Amino acid sequence: MLSSRPVKTTNRQLLLISNGSELIGDNPTEFFHNALKDFLGTSVRRVLFVPFAAVARTEDEYRDRVRKHFGPHGYEVESLHDAGDARAAVERADAFAVGGGNTFKLLRGLYEAGVVELLRERAGLGVPYVGWSAGSNVACPTIRTTNDMPIVEPPTFDALNLVPFQINPHYTDYHPPGHMGETRDERLNEFVHVNPGVRVVGIREGTMLRVEGDEIKLLGGKPARVFAKGAEPFEVSASDSLRFLLE
């Protein structure tokens, strides 16, 4: 069963990105930086960054990279791993930025910090939430549509449940020649087969979902792919209405 914990979402403001390299990589794109500025606006000053998905890089290094790219736009970045009082840091944040990496490690870190319920509540009430890759996964009811290997074990797969659908970031329908394992589509179809009524949205690199209350838009130049039990997967574009995903 997917998490059924209720969350108030009428004021939610979410920017859910497939890949964080467009924001904080070596060559971030102007499109993604402009999308970030448009989303956070001028009223946000203090952004609380969640670095727990980091594996090979340290959390300090991850924090510094985010500061490098958020700072020039006027956003002060505090990292949750530096906070003496994690709950107080969540309470005082003007916005949240939840970074990519390993989704299992990210979710375990959120539970260990004791902030899952509070983060869910504040984001559901309208504090802007930016997530990329693993950070997009944890905005869903569970993390069970991540691409990551479970290198650590969180206490549960239940996540923030800020949207009623699942996300598969880095989605691709490319099938390498000679590859004999399951394709991404096959794996996602397995998920919806055993979770009837739950949709999965595969978001390709260079795209993001922007959710504001009961409105949702796909941003970027590529379509997304929607999976549901009993239906053929289908593509949606930026010009399509996606409100059905929030129903």
Foldseek 3Di string as FASTA:
>chain_A
DFDPDDAQAQFAWEKEAQACCLQQNPDHDPVVLVVVCVRLDDVFAEEEEEQQQDDPDDSVVVQVSNCVRVVVSRHHYDYLVPDPQNLVSLVPHQAYEYEHHALQRSQQVCVVSVCQVVNLHVNSNHRYYYYYQSGNQLLAQFNVLEPHDNPDHHPDRGHSHNADAGEYGQDDQDDDPPDDDDGSVVVVQVVQQVVAPHKYKYDHHQWIWTDGRLAIFIDGDDWIWMDHPPDDIDTDDRPDGPSVRRD
